[in-house]
Amino acid sequence: MDDSAARAKELVQRAYAEITAAPNRFLDLLEAGELPRERLNSLAGEEYHIVRSDLRSFAHFVTRYPDPPAADFFLTLAGGESGALRLLLGFGAGLGLDEQWLRTYRPRPLAQAYPAYIAQRALVGSASGTALAMLANLDEWGGYCARAADALVARYGLGEDEVGFFRYFAASPPGFAEQATDVVAQGLRAGDDPEQALHEARTLHVFETAFWNSLVED
């Protein structure tokens, strides 16, 4: 009897239990209205490079895993990044930044550790490990985006059309958890190491925290 679906659900629950939201000084300052505007410019610039990198990484996953459910999962992620990129340009415009500025922005190394890790996994990692990592960290990322959107409107006077990027990520896509869990189950059936998948989820969480921390460091 194939118990991969049950094992995948158990692994997801373990990842949820291990990964909890870290303190976020950037958002604390943003909500207090104490974050300098140039830090918002940095946020836009960093996200521009992250989204473009992640889009390519997820597309590469599809070339390595061309069959469902993995292919469908990574196509969904790639499509989401493509849509998010358009919304991000609206955020940049709200700050007075055009795409040329975003494109030539020089990213902070630690802010780009997250997409660099995703790119590495796209080259040599398993679909199941990345699916688990994305799912386990989704709620934290979504919560951060909701806080950012609210603060940008309330404290910095941006319009809803200018914070669409953050609103987009604030809510989990319908069926995302089930889709990701199916990819994890597929990997477990193929012999993927569940402990390695958990390690990838924990690692991605560390890089998520590093991203936000880097935005308030000189």
N, C-alpha and C. Protein backbone atom coordinates (compact mmCIF):
# COMPACT_ATOMS: atom_id res chain seq x y z
N MET A 1 0.85 -1.20 0.00
CA MET A 1 0.00 0.00 0.00
C MET A 1 0.88 1.25 0.00
N ASP A 2 0.58 2.22 -0.88
CA ASP A 2 1.35 3.46 -0.97
C ASP A 2 0.89 4.44 0.10
N ASP A 3 1.79 4.74 1.03
CA ASP A 3 1.45 5.67 2.11
C ASP A 3 2.11 7.03 1.92
N SER A 4 2.54 7.33 0.70
CA SER A 4 3.28 8.57 0.46
C SER A 4 2.43 9.81 0.75
N ALA A 5 1.13 9.76 0.46
CA ALA A 5 0.28 10.92 0.72
C ALA A 5 0.21 11.22 2.21
N ALA A 6 0.05 10.17 3.01
CA ALA A 6 0.00 10.36 4.47
C ALA A 6 1.34 10.85 4.99
N ARG A 7 2.43 10.30 4.47
CA ARG A 7 3.76 10.74 4.91
C ARG A 7 4.02 12.19 4.51
N ALA A 8 3.53 12.57 3.34
CA ALA A 8 3.71 13.96 2.90
C ALA A 8 2.96 14.92 3.83
N LYS A 9 1.74 14.58 4.19
CA LYS A 9 0.97 15.43 5.09
C LYS A 9 1.65 15.54 6.45
N GLU A 10 2.20 14.43 6.93
CA GLU A 10 2.91 14.45 8.21
C GLU A 10 4.15 15.33 8.12
N LEU A 11 4.85 15.25 7.00
CA LEU A 11 6.06 16.06 6.81
C LEU A 11 5.71 17.55 6.76
N VAL A 12 4.62 17.87 6.10
CA VAL A 12 4.17 19.26 6.05
C VAL A 12 3.87 19.77 7.45
N GLN A 13 3.21 18.97 8.26
CA GLN A 13 2.89 19.38 9.63
C GLN A 13 4.15 19.57 10.46
N ARG A 14 5.14 18.72 10.25
CA ARG A 14 6.42 18.89 10.96
C ARG A 14 7.07 20.21 10.56
N ALA A 15 7.03 20.52 9.28
CA ALA A 15 7.63 21.77 8.81
C ALA A 15 6.90 22.98 9.40
N TYR A 16 5.58 22.94 9.40
CA TYR A 16 4.80 24.03 10.00
C TYR A 16 5.17 24.22 11.47
N ALA A 17 5.35 23.11 12.18
CA ALA A 17 5.64 23.18 13.62
C ALA A 17 7.02 23.76 13.89
N GLU A 18 7.96 23.49 12.99
CA GLU A 18 9.34 23.94 13.20
C GLU A 18 9.57 25.39 12.78
N ILE A 19 8.79 25.87 11.83
CA ILE A 19 9.05 27.19 11.26
C ILE A 19 8.03 28.19 11.79
N THR A 20 8.53 29.14 12.54
CA THR A 20 7.67 30.19 13.10
C THR A 20 8.22 31.55 12.69
N ALA A 21 7.35 32.51 12.61
CA ALA A 21 7.74 33.84 12.17
C ALA A 21 8.77 34.45 13.12
N ALA A 22 9.79 35.05 12.53
CA ALA A 22 10.84 35.71 13.31
C ALA A 22 10.49 37.18 13.50
N PRO A 23 11.09 37.84 14.50
CA PRO A 23 10.89 39.29 14.64
C PRO A 23 11.30 40.00 13.35
N ASN A 24 10.59 41.05 13.00
CA ASN A 24 10.85 41.74 11.74
C ASN A 24 10.94 43.25 12.01
N ARG A 25 12.15 43.71 12.21
CA ARG A 25 12.36 45.12 12.56
C ARG A 25 11.98 46.05 11.41
N PHE A 26 12.21 45.61 10.18
CA PHE A 26 11.84 46.42 9.03
C PHE A 26 10.35 46.75 9.07
N LEU A 27 9.53 45.75 9.27
CA LEU A 27 8.08 45.98 9.30
C LEU A 27 7.65 46.73 10.54
N ASP A 28 8.33 46.51 11.65
CA ASP A 28 8.02 47.28 12.86
C ASP A 28 8.23 48.77 12.61
N LEU A 29 9.34 49.11 11.97
CA LEU A 29 9.63 50.51 11.65
C LEU A 29 8.65 51.05 10.61
N LEU A 30 8.31 50.21 9.65
CA LEU A 30 7.37 50.62 8.62
C LEU A 30 6.01 50.95 9.23
N GLU A 31 5.54 50.10 10.12
CA GLU A 31 4.23 50.32 10.75
C GLU A 31 4.23 51.54 11.66
N ALA A 32 5.39 51.88 12.19
CA ALA A 32 5.49 53.08 13.03
C ALA A 32 5.71 54.34 12.20
N GLY A 33 5.88 54.19 10.91
CA GLY A 33 6.15 55.34 10.05
C GLY A 33 7.55 55.89 10.21
N GLU A 34 8.47 55.08 10.72
CA GLU A 34 9.82 55.54 11.04
C GLU A 34 10.87 55.04 10.05
N LEU A 35 10.44 54.39 8.99
CA LEU A 35 11.38 53.85 8.02
C LEU A 35 11.68 54.91 6.96
N PRO A 36 12.95 55.26 6.75
CA PRO A 36 13.28 56.26 5.73
C PRO A 36 12.81 55.82 4.34
N ARG A 37 12.43 56.77 3.52
CA ARG A 37 11.91 56.45 2.19
C ARG A 37 12.91 55.70 1.34
N GLU A 38 14.20 55.98 1.55
CA GLU A 38 15.19 55.28 0.72
C GLU A 38 15.19 53.78 0.98
N ARG A 39 14.73 53.38 2.18
CA ARG A 39 14.64 51.95 2.47
C ARG A 39 13.49 51.32 1.69
N LEU A 40 12.46 52.09 1.43
CA LEU A 40 11.38 51.60 0.58
C LEU A 40 11.88 51.41 -0.85
N ASN A 41 12.72 52.33 -1.30
CA ASN A 41 13.33 52.18 -2.62
C ASN A 41 14.14 50.89 -2.68
N SER A 42 14.87 50.61 -1.60
CA SER A 42 15.66 49.38 -1.55
C SER A 42 14.75 48.16 -1.60
N LEU A 43 13.64 48.21 -0.88
CA LEU A 43 12.69 47.09 -0.91
C LEU A 43 12.21 46.82 -2.33
N ALA A 44 11.86 47.88 -3.05
CA ALA A 44 11.41 47.71 -4.43
C ALA A 44 12.51 47.14 -5.32
N GLY A 45 13.73 47.66 -5.15
CA GLY A 45 14.84 47.18 -5.97
C GLY A 45 15.18 45.73 -5.69
N GLU A 46 15.21 45.36 -4.41
CA GLU A 46 15.52 43.98 -4.06
C GLU A 46 14.45 43.03 -4.60
N GLU A 47 13.19 43.40 -4.43
CA GLU A 47 12.11 42.53 -4.88
C GLU A 47 12.12 42.38 -6.40
N TYR A 48 12.49 43.42 -7.10
CA TYR A 48 12.56 43.33 -8.56
C TYR A 48 13.55 42.24 -8.98
N HIS A 49 14.70 42.22 -8.35
CA HIS A 49 15.70 41.22 -8.70
C HIS A 49 15.29 39.83 -8.20
N ILE A 50 14.65 39.77 -7.05
CA ILE A 50 14.20 38.48 -6.51
C ILE A 50 13.14 37.86 -7.41
N VAL A 51 12.15 38.64 -7.78
CA VAL A 51 11.05 38.10 -8.59
C VAL A 51 11.56 37.61 -9.94
N ARG A 52 12.42 38.37 -10.57
CA ARG A 52 12.96 37.95 -11.87
C ARG A 52 13.79 36.67 -11.74
N SER A 53 14.54 36.56 -10.66
CA SER A 53 15.33 35.35 -10.43
C SER A 53 14.43 34.15 -10.16
N ASP A 54 13.45 34.33 -9.29
CA ASP A 54 12.56 33.22 -8.95
C ASP A 54 11.76 32.75 -10.16
N LEU A 55 11.36 33.68 -11.01
CA LEU A 55 10.62 33.29 -12.22
C LEU A 55 11.47 32.34 -13.06
N ARG A 56 12.72 32.67 -13.26
CA ARG A 56 13.60 31.81 -14.05
C ARG A 56 13.84 30.48 -13.35
N SER A 57 13.97 30.52 -12.02
CA SER A 57 14.22 29.28 -11.27
C SER A 57 13.04 28.33 -11.38
N PHE A 58 11.83 28.85 -11.21
CA PHE A 58 10.65 27.99 -11.28
C PHE A 58 10.46 27.44 -12.69
N ALA A 59 10.77 28.26 -13.69
CA ALA A 59 10.69 27.78 -15.07
C ALA A 59 11.69 26.65 -15.30
N HIS A 60 12.87 26.76 -14.70
CA HIS A 60 13.86 25.70 -14.86
C HIS A 60 13.41 24.41 -14.17
N PHE A 61 12.75 24.54 -13.03
CA PHE A 61 12.20 23.35 -12.38
C PHE A 61 11.27 22.60 -13.33
N VAL A 62 10.50 23.33 -14.12
CA VAL A 62 9.57 22.67 -15.05
C VAL A 62 10.33 21.86 -16.08
N THR A 63 11.48 22.35 -16.52
CA THR A 63 12.26 21.60 -17.50
C THR A 63 12.84 20.33 -16.89
N ARG A 64 13.10 20.35 -15.59
CA ARG A 64 13.64 19.16 -14.92
C ARG A 64 12.54 18.19 -14.49
N TYR A 65 11.37 18.73 -14.21
CA TYR A 65 10.24 17.90 -13.75
C TYR A 65 9.03 18.22 -14.64
N PRO A 66 9.01 17.68 -15.86
CA PRO A 66 7.99 18.07 -16.84
C PRO A 66 6.64 17.38 -16.67
N ASP A 67 6.52 16.50 -15.68
CA ASP A 67 5.27 15.77 -15.49
C ASP A 67 4.53 16.28 -14.26
N PRO A 68 3.19 16.15 -14.26
CA PRO A 68 2.43 16.55 -13.08
C PRO A 68 2.69 15.57 -11.93
N PRO A 69 2.51 16.01 -10.68
CA PRO A 69 2.03 17.34 -10.28
C PRO A 69 3.13 18.40 -10.19
N ALA A 70 4.42 17.98 -10.29
CA ALA A 70 5.50 18.95 -10.12
C ALA A 70 5.46 20.03 -11.19
N ALA A 71 5.26 19.62 -12.45
CA ALA A 71 5.25 20.61 -13.53
C ALA A 71 4.14 21.63 -13.33
N ASP A 72 2.97 21.17 -12.95
CA ASP A 72 1.86 22.09 -12.72
C ASP A 72 2.16 23.05 -11.57
N PHE A 73 2.77 22.52 -10.53
CA PHE A 73 3.10 23.34 -9.36
C PHE A 73 4.07 24.45 -9.73
N PHE A 74 5.13 24.11 -10.43
CA PHE A 74 6.14 25.12 -10.75
C PHE A 74 5.68 26.07 -11.86
N LEU A 75 4.82 25.59 -12.74
CA LEU A 75 4.22 26.50 -13.71
C LEU A 75 3.34 27.53 -13.01
N THR A 76 2.62 27.09 -11.99
CA THR A 76 1.80 28.01 -11.20
C THR A 76 2.68 29.05 -10.52
N LEU A 77 3.79 28.60 -9.93
CA LEU A 77 4.69 29.54 -9.27
C LEU A 77 5.30 30.52 -10.27
N ALA A 78 5.72 30.02 -11.43
CA ALA A 78 6.31 30.91 -12.44
C ALA A 78 5.29 31.93 -12.92
N GLY A 79 4.06 31.49 -13.15
CA GLY A 79 3.01 32.41 -13.56
C GLY A 79 2.73 33.46 -12.50
N GLY A 80 2.78 33.05 -11.25
CA GLY A 80 2.57 33.99 -10.16
C GLY A 80 3.65 35.05 -10.10
N GLU A 81 4.89 34.64 -10.33
CA GLU A 81 5.99 35.60 -10.32
C GLU A 81 5.86 36.58 -11.49
N SER A 82 5.41 36.08 -12.63
CA SER A 82 5.24 36.96 -13.79
C SER A 82 4.19 38.03 -13.50
N GLY A 83 3.07 37.62 -12.90
CA GLY A 83 2.05 38.59 -12.53
C GLY A 83 2.53 39.55 -11.46
N ALA A 84 3.28 39.01 -10.50
CA ALA A 84 3.79 39.85 -9.41
C ALA A 84 4.76 40.91 -9.93
N LEU A 85 5.51 40.57 -10.95
CA LEU A 85 6.47 41.53 -11.50
C LEU A 85 5.74 42.76 -12.05
N ARG A 86 4.63 42.54 -12.70
CA ARG A 86 3.85 43.68 -13.21
C ARG A 86 3.32 44.54 -12.06
N LEU A 87 2.87 43.89 -11.00
CA LEU A 87 2.37 44.63 -9.84
C LEU A 87 3.50 45.39 -9.14
N LEU A 88 4.68 44.80 -9.15
CA LEU A 88 5.82 45.44 -8.50
C LEU A 88 6.18 46.75 -9.18
N LEU A 89 5.99 46.81 -10.49
CA LEU A 89 6.26 48.06 -11.20
C LEU A 89 5.33 49.16 -10.71
N GLY A 90 4.13 48.80 -10.29
CA GLY A 90 3.21 49.78 -9.72
C GLY A 90 3.71 50.30 -8.38
N PHE A 91 4.30 49.41 -7.58
CA PHE A 91 4.89 49.84 -6.32
C PHE A 91 6.04 50.80 -6.58
N GLY A 92 6.89 50.43 -7.54
CA GLY A 92 8.00 51.31 -7.89
C GLY A 92 7.51 52.68 -8.35
N ALA A 93 6.48 52.68 -9.18
CA ALA A 93 5.94 53.95 -9.67
C ALA A 93 5.41 54.81 -8.53
N GLY A 94 4.82 54.15 -7.53
CA GLY A 94 4.32 54.89 -6.37
C GLY A 94 5.43 55.56 -5.58
N LEU A 95 6.64 55.04 -5.72
CA LEU A 95 7.80 55.62 -5.06
C LEU A 95 8.56 56.57 -5.98
N GLY A 96 8.08 56.71 -7.20
CA GLY A 96 8.77 57.56 -8.17
C GLY A 96 9.90 56.86 -8.89
N LEU A 97 9.88 55.53 -8.92
CA LEU A 97 10.94 54.75 -9.54
C LEU A 97 10.43 54.08 -10.81
N ASP A 98 11.18 54.20 -11.89
CA ASP A 98 10.78 53.50 -13.11
C ASP A 98 11.53 52.18 -13.22
N GLU A 99 11.20 51.40 -14.24
CA GLU A 99 11.81 50.07 -14.35
C GLU A 99 13.31 50.15 -14.61
N GLN A 100 13.75 51.18 -15.29
CA GLN A 100 15.19 51.34 -15.51
C GLN A 100 15.91 51.47 -14.18
N TRP A 101 15.34 52.23 -13.24
CA TRP A 101 15.95 52.37 -11.91
C TRP A 101 15.99 51.02 -11.21
N LEU A 102 14.89 50.29 -11.27
CA LEU A 102 14.83 48.99 -10.60
C LEU A 102 15.84 48.02 -11.22
N ARG A 103 15.96 48.06 -12.54
CA ARG A 103 16.85 47.13 -13.23
C ARG A 103 18.31 47.39 -12.87
N THR A 104 18.67 48.65 -12.69
CA THR A 104 20.07 48.98 -12.43
C THR A 104 20.39 49.08 -10.94
N TYR A 105 19.39 48.86 -10.10
CA TYR A 105 19.62 48.84 -8.65
C TYR A 105 20.62 47.74 -8.31
N ARG A 106 21.56 48.04 -7.42
CA ARG A 106 22.56 47.07 -7.01
C ARG A 106 22.11 46.40 -5.71
N PRO A 107 21.75 45.12 -5.76
CA PRO A 107 21.18 44.45 -4.59
C PRO A 107 22.20 44.23 -3.47
N ARG A 108 21.67 44.12 -2.26
CA ARG A 108 22.49 43.76 -1.11
C ARG A 108 22.69 42.24 -1.13
N PRO A 109 23.92 41.77 -0.91
CA PRO A 109 24.18 40.33 -1.00
C PRO A 109 23.27 39.47 -0.13
N LEU A 110 23.08 39.85 1.13
CA LEU A 110 22.26 39.01 2.01
C LEU A 110 20.78 39.07 1.64
N ALA A 111 20.36 40.15 1.03
CA ALA A 111 18.97 40.22 0.59
C ALA A 111 18.69 39.25 -0.55
N GLN A 112 19.74 38.90 -1.29
CA GLN A 112 19.58 38.01 -2.43
C GLN A 112 19.94 36.56 -2.12
N ALA A 113 20.20 36.25 -0.86
CA ALA A 113 20.49 34.86 -0.49
C ALA A 113 19.29 33.96 -0.76
N TYR A 114 18.09 34.48 -0.52
CA TYR A 114 16.87 33.70 -0.74
C TYR A 114 16.74 33.25 -2.20
N PRO A 115 16.72 34.18 -3.17
CA PRO A 115 16.60 33.72 -4.55
C PRO A 115 17.80 32.92 -5.03
N ALA A 116 18.98 33.20 -4.48
CA ALA A 116 20.15 32.42 -4.86
C ALA A 116 19.98 30.96 -4.44
N TYR A 117 19.39 30.75 -3.27
CA TYR A 117 19.15 29.39 -2.80
C TYR A 117 18.10 28.70 -3.67
N ILE A 118 17.04 29.42 -4.02
CA ILE A 118 16.03 28.85 -4.92
C ILE A 118 16.66 28.47 -6.26
N ALA A 119 17.54 29.32 -6.77
CA ALA A 119 18.20 29.04 -8.03
C ALA A 119 19.09 27.81 -7.92
N GLN A 120 19.78 27.67 -6.80
CA GLN A 120 20.61 26.48 -6.59
C GLN A 120 19.76 25.22 -6.58
N ARG A 121 18.62 25.27 -5.87
CA ARG A 121 17.75 24.10 -5.81
C ARG A 121 17.16 23.80 -7.18
N ALA A 122 16.91 24.84 -7.97
CA ALA A 122 16.39 24.61 -9.32
C ALA A 122 17.38 23.84 -10.18
N LEU A 123 18.67 24.05 -9.90
CA LEU A 123 19.71 23.36 -10.66
C LEU A 123 19.94 21.94 -10.16
N VAL A 124 19.97 21.75 -8.84
CA VAL A 124 20.40 20.45 -8.31
C VAL A 124 19.46 19.87 -7.27
N GLY A 125 18.43 20.58 -6.86
CA GLY A 125 17.57 20.12 -5.78
C GLY A 125 16.39 19.31 -6.27
N SER A 126 15.66 18.78 -5.31
CA SER A 126 14.46 18.01 -5.62
C SER A 126 13.24 18.92 -5.68
N ALA A 127 12.26 18.50 -6.46
CA ALA A 127 11.00 19.25 -6.49
C ALA A 127 10.31 19.20 -5.14
N SER A 128 10.40 18.06 -4.47
CA SER A 128 9.70 17.90 -3.19
C SER A 128 10.28 18.82 -2.12
N GLY A 129 11.60 18.97 -2.10
CA GLY A 129 12.22 19.83 -1.10
C GLY A 129 11.82 21.28 -1.27
N THR A 130 11.80 21.74 -2.51
CA THR A 130 11.42 23.13 -2.76
C THR A 130 9.93 23.35 -2.53
N ALA A 131 9.12 22.37 -2.90
CA ALA A 131 7.68 22.49 -2.66
C ALA A 131 7.39 22.60 -1.16
N LEU A 132 8.07 21.77 -0.37
CA LEU A 132 7.87 21.83 1.08
C LEU A 132 8.35 23.17 1.62
N ALA A 133 9.49 23.63 1.16
CA ALA A 133 10.04 24.90 1.64
C ALA A 133 9.11 26.07 1.31
N MET A 134 8.60 26.08 0.09
CA MET A 134 7.70 27.17 -0.30
C MET A 134 6.41 27.14 0.53
N LEU A 135 5.88 25.95 0.73
CA LEU A 135 4.63 25.83 1.49
C LEU A 135 4.82 26.19 2.95
N ALA A 136 5.89 25.69 3.56
CA ALA A 136 6.10 25.91 4.99
C ALA A 136 6.35 27.37 5.32
N ASN A 137 6.89 28.11 4.37
CA ASN A 137 7.20 29.52 4.61
C ASN A 137 6.15 30.48 4.05
N LEU A 138 5.11 29.94 3.43
CA LEU A 138 4.12 30.78 2.76
C LEU A 138 3.35 31.67 3.72
N ASP A 139 2.92 31.12 4.83
CA ASP A 139 2.12 31.92 5.77
C ASP A 139 2.91 33.10 6.33
N GLU A 140 4.19 32.85 6.64
CA GLU A 140 5.03 33.94 7.16
C GLU A 140 5.18 35.04 6.12
N TRP A 141 5.52 34.66 4.90
CA TRP A 141 5.69 35.64 3.83
C TRP A 141 4.38 36.39 3.58
N GLY A 142 3.28 35.66 3.55
CA GLY A 142 1.99 36.31 3.33
C GLY A 142 1.64 37.29 4.43
N GLY A 143 1.94 36.92 5.67
CA GLY A 143 1.68 37.82 6.79
C GLY A 143 2.53 39.08 6.71
N TYR A 144 3.78 38.92 6.31
CA TYR A 144 4.65 40.09 6.14
C TYR A 144 4.11 41.01 5.05
N CYS A 145 3.65 40.42 3.96
CA CYS A 145 3.14 41.24 2.85
C CYS A 145 1.88 42.00 3.26
N ALA A 146 1.01 41.36 4.04
CA ALA A 146 -0.20 42.03 4.52
C ALA A 146 0.16 43.22 5.40
N ARG A 147 1.12 43.02 6.29
CA ARG A 147 1.56 44.11 7.16
C ARG A 147 2.17 45.24 6.33
N ALA A 148 2.98 44.89 5.35
CA ALA A 148 3.63 45.91 4.52
C ALA A 148 2.59 46.73 3.76
N ALA A 149 1.62 46.06 3.16
CA ALA A 149 0.59 46.77 2.40
C ALA A 149 -0.18 47.74 3.29
N ASP A 150 -0.60 47.27 4.45
CA ASP A 150 -1.37 48.13 5.36
C ASP A 150 -0.56 49.35 5.79
N ALA A 151 0.71 49.12 6.12
CA ALA A 151 1.54 50.22 6.60
C ALA A 151 1.86 51.22 5.49
N LEU A 152 2.09 50.72 4.29
CA LEU A 152 2.40 51.61 3.17
C LEU A 152 1.22 52.53 2.86
N VAL A 153 0.02 52.02 3.02
CA VAL A 153 -1.17 52.85 2.79
C VAL A 153 -1.39 53.82 3.95
N ALA A 154 -1.31 53.29 5.17
CA ALA A 154 -1.65 54.10 6.35
C ALA A 154 -0.57 55.12 6.71
N ARG A 155 0.69 54.73 6.56
CA ARG A 155 1.79 55.57 7.03
C ARG A 155 2.51 56.34 5.94
N TYR A 156 2.48 55.81 4.71
CA TYR A 156 3.28 56.43 3.65
C TYR A 156 2.43 56.95 2.49
N GLY A 157 1.11 56.84 2.63
CA GLY A 157 0.22 57.47 1.68
C GLY A 157 0.13 56.82 0.31
N LEU A 158 0.55 55.58 0.18
CA LEU A 158 0.43 54.91 -1.11
C LEU A 158 -1.01 54.45 -1.33
N GLY A 159 -1.41 54.38 -2.59
CA GLY A 159 -2.74 53.92 -2.92
C GLY A 159 -2.79 52.41 -3.03
N GLU A 160 -4.00 51.87 -3.03
CA GLU A 160 -4.15 50.42 -3.12
C GLU A 160 -3.56 49.86 -4.41
N ASP A 161 -3.66 50.63 -5.49
CA ASP A 161 -3.09 50.15 -6.74
C ASP A 161 -1.57 50.10 -6.68
N GLU A 162 -0.98 50.84 -5.76
CA GLU A 162 0.48 50.87 -5.64
C GLU A 162 1.01 49.82 -4.67
N VAL A 163 0.13 49.21 -3.91
CA VAL A 163 0.56 48.14 -2.99
C VAL A 163 -0.01 46.79 -3.44
N GLY A 164 -0.42 46.72 -4.70
CA GLY A 164 -0.99 45.48 -5.22
C GLY A 164 -0.04 44.30 -5.14
N PHE A 165 1.25 44.56 -5.27
CA PHE A 165 2.25 43.48 -5.16
C PHE A 165 2.13 42.78 -3.82
N PHE A 166 2.01 43.55 -2.77
CA PHE A 166 1.95 42.98 -1.42
C PHE A 166 0.58 42.35 -1.15
N ARG A 167 -0.48 42.96 -1.63
CA ARG A 167 -1.80 42.36 -1.48
C ARG A 167 -1.87 41.01 -2.20
N TYR A 168 -1.21 40.93 -3.34
CA TYR A 168 -1.21 39.71 -4.14
C TYR A 168 -0.64 38.54 -3.35
N PHE A 169 0.45 38.78 -2.64
CA PHE A 169 1.10 37.71 -1.89
C PHE A 169 0.53 37.52 -0.49
N ALA A 170 -0.32 38.42 -0.05
CA ALA A 170 -0.84 38.33 1.31
C ALA A 170 -1.79 37.15 1.50
N ALA A 171 -2.43 36.72 0.44
CA ALA A 171 -3.38 35.61 0.52
C ALA A 171 -2.82 34.39 -0.20
N SER A 172 -2.97 33.23 0.39
CA SER A 172 -2.51 31.99 -0.24
C SER A 172 -3.36 31.68 -1.46
N PRO A 173 -2.74 31.29 -2.57
CA PRO A 173 -3.53 30.92 -3.76
C PRO A 173 -4.41 29.71 -3.45
N PRO A 174 -5.63 29.68 -3.96
CA PRO A 174 -6.50 28.52 -3.73
C PRO A 174 -5.86 27.23 -4.22
N GLY A 175 -5.87 26.22 -3.37
CA GLY A 175 -5.34 24.92 -3.75
C GLY A 175 -3.84 24.79 -3.66
N PHE A 176 -3.14 25.86 -3.25
CA PHE A 176 -1.68 25.82 -3.24
C PHE A 176 -1.16 24.75 -2.30
N ALA A 177 -1.72 24.69 -1.09
CA ALA A 177 -1.23 23.72 -0.10
C ALA A 177 -1.40 22.30 -0.60
N GLU A 178 -2.55 22.02 -1.21
CA GLU A 178 -2.79 20.67 -1.72
C GLU A 178 -1.84 20.34 -2.86
N GLN A 179 -1.61 21.32 -3.72
CA GLN A 179 -0.72 21.11 -4.86
C GLN A 179 0.71 20.85 -4.38
N ALA A 180 1.17 21.64 -3.44
CA ALA A 180 2.53 21.45 -2.92
C ALA A 180 2.66 20.11 -2.21
N THR A 181 1.66 19.73 -1.44
CA THR A 181 1.69 18.45 -0.72
C THR A 181 1.73 17.29 -1.71
N ASP A 182 1.04 17.41 -2.82
CA ASP A 182 1.09 16.36 -3.84
C ASP A 182 2.49 16.22 -4.42
N VAL A 183 3.19 17.33 -4.58
CA VAL A 183 4.57 17.28 -5.09
C VAL A 183 5.48 16.61 -4.06
N VAL A 184 5.27 16.92 -2.79
CA VAL A 184 6.05 16.27 -1.73
C VAL A 184 5.79 14.77 -1.75
N ALA A 185 4.54 14.37 -1.88
CA ALA A 185 4.20 12.95 -1.92
C ALA A 185 4.84 12.26 -3.12
N GLN A 186 4.84 12.94 -4.25
CA GLN A 186 5.47 12.39 -5.45
C GLN A 186 6.95 12.14 -5.21
N GLY A 187 7.60 13.09 -4.55
CA GLY A 187 9.02 12.93 -4.26
C GLY A 187 9.29 11.80 -3.29
N LEU A 188 8.47 11.68 -2.26
CA LEU A 188 8.65 10.60 -1.29
C LEU A 188 8.47 9.24 -1.96
N ARG A 189 7.53 9.14 -2.87
CA ARG A 189 7.35 7.88 -3.61
C ARG A 189 8.58 7.54 -4.42
N ALA A 190 9.26 8.58 -4.91
CA ALA A 190 10.46 8.36 -5.73
C ALA A 190 11.72 8.16 -4.90
N GLY A 191 11.59 8.25 -3.57
CA GLY A 191 12.74 8.01 -2.71
C GLY A 191 13.43 9.24 -2.18
N ASP A 192 12.83 10.42 -2.32
CA ASP A 192 13.44 11.63 -1.77
C ASP A 192 13.55 11.53 -0.25
N ASP A 193 14.60 12.14 0.27
CA ASP A 193 14.87 12.12 1.71
C ASP A 193 14.00 13.16 2.42
N PRO A 194 13.10 12.75 3.30
CA PRO A 194 12.25 13.73 3.99
C PRO A 194 13.02 14.68 4.88
N GLU A 195 14.12 14.20 5.48
CA GLU A 195 14.91 15.08 6.35
C GLU A 195 15.60 16.17 5.55
N GLN A 196 16.02 15.84 4.34
CA GLN A 196 16.61 16.86 3.46
C GLN A 196 15.56 17.90 3.09
N ALA A 197 14.35 17.46 2.83
CA ALA A 197 13.28 18.41 2.51
C ALA A 197 13.02 19.35 3.68
N LEU A 198 13.01 18.82 4.89
CA LEU A 198 12.85 19.67 6.08
C LEU A 198 14.00 20.65 6.21
N HIS A 199 15.20 20.17 5.93
CA HIS A 199 16.37 21.05 5.98
C HIS A 199 16.21 22.21 5.00
N GLU A 200 15.71 21.94 3.83
CA GLU A 200 15.51 23.00 2.84
C GLU A 200 14.47 24.00 3.30
N ALA A 201 13.43 23.51 3.95
CA ALA A 201 12.40 24.43 4.47
C ALA A 201 12.99 25.34 5.55
N ARG A 202 13.79 24.76 6.43
CA ARG A 202 14.42 25.57 7.49
C ARG A 202 15.40 26.57 6.90
N THR A 203 16.16 26.14 5.90
CA THR A 203 17.14 27.01 5.27
C THR A 203 16.47 28.20 4.59
N LEU A 204 15.39 27.94 3.88
CA LEU A 204 14.69 29.03 3.21
C LEU A 204 14.15 30.04 4.22
N HIS A 205 13.72 29.54 5.37
CA HIS A 205 13.24 30.44 6.43
C HIS A 205 14.36 31.35 6.92
N VAL A 206 15.54 30.80 7.09
CA VAL A 206 16.69 31.61 7.52
C VAL A 206 16.97 32.71 6.49
N PHE A 207 16.91 32.38 5.22
CA PHE A 207 17.18 33.37 4.18
C PHE A 207 16.06 34.41 4.08
N GLU A 208 14.83 34.00 4.37
CA GLU A 208 13.73 34.98 4.42
C GLU A 208 14.00 36.01 5.51
N THR A 209 14.42 35.53 6.68
CA THR A 209 14.74 36.43 7.79
C THR A 209 15.91 37.34 7.43
N ALA A 210 16.92 36.77 6.77
CA ALA A 210 18.09 37.55 6.37
C ALA A 210 17.71 38.66 5.40
N PHE A 211 16.76 38.39 4.54
CA PHE A 211 16.30 39.41 3.59
C PHE A 211 15.79 40.65 4.31
N TRP A 212 14.87 40.45 5.23
CA TRP A 212 14.28 41.59 5.94
C TRP A 212 15.31 42.29 6.82
N ASN A 213 16.16 41.52 7.48
CA ASN A 213 17.19 42.13 8.33
C ASN A 213 18.14 43.00 7.52
N SER A 214 18.48 42.54 6.32
CA SER A 214 19.44 43.29 5.50
C SER A 214 18.91 44.66 5.11
N LEU A 215 17.60 44.81 5.07
CA LEU A 215 17.01 46.08 4.64
C LEU A 215 17.07 47.16 5.71
N VAL A 216 17.41 46.79 6.93
CA VAL A 216 17.53 47.80 7.99
C VAL A 216 18.97 47.92 8.47
N GLU A 217 19.88 47.20 7.83
CA GLU A 217 21.29 47.28 8.20
C GLU A 217 22.00 48.24 7.26
N ASP A 218 23.00 48.94 7.80
CA ASP A 218 23.78 49.87 6.98
C ASP A 218 24.89 49.13 6.25
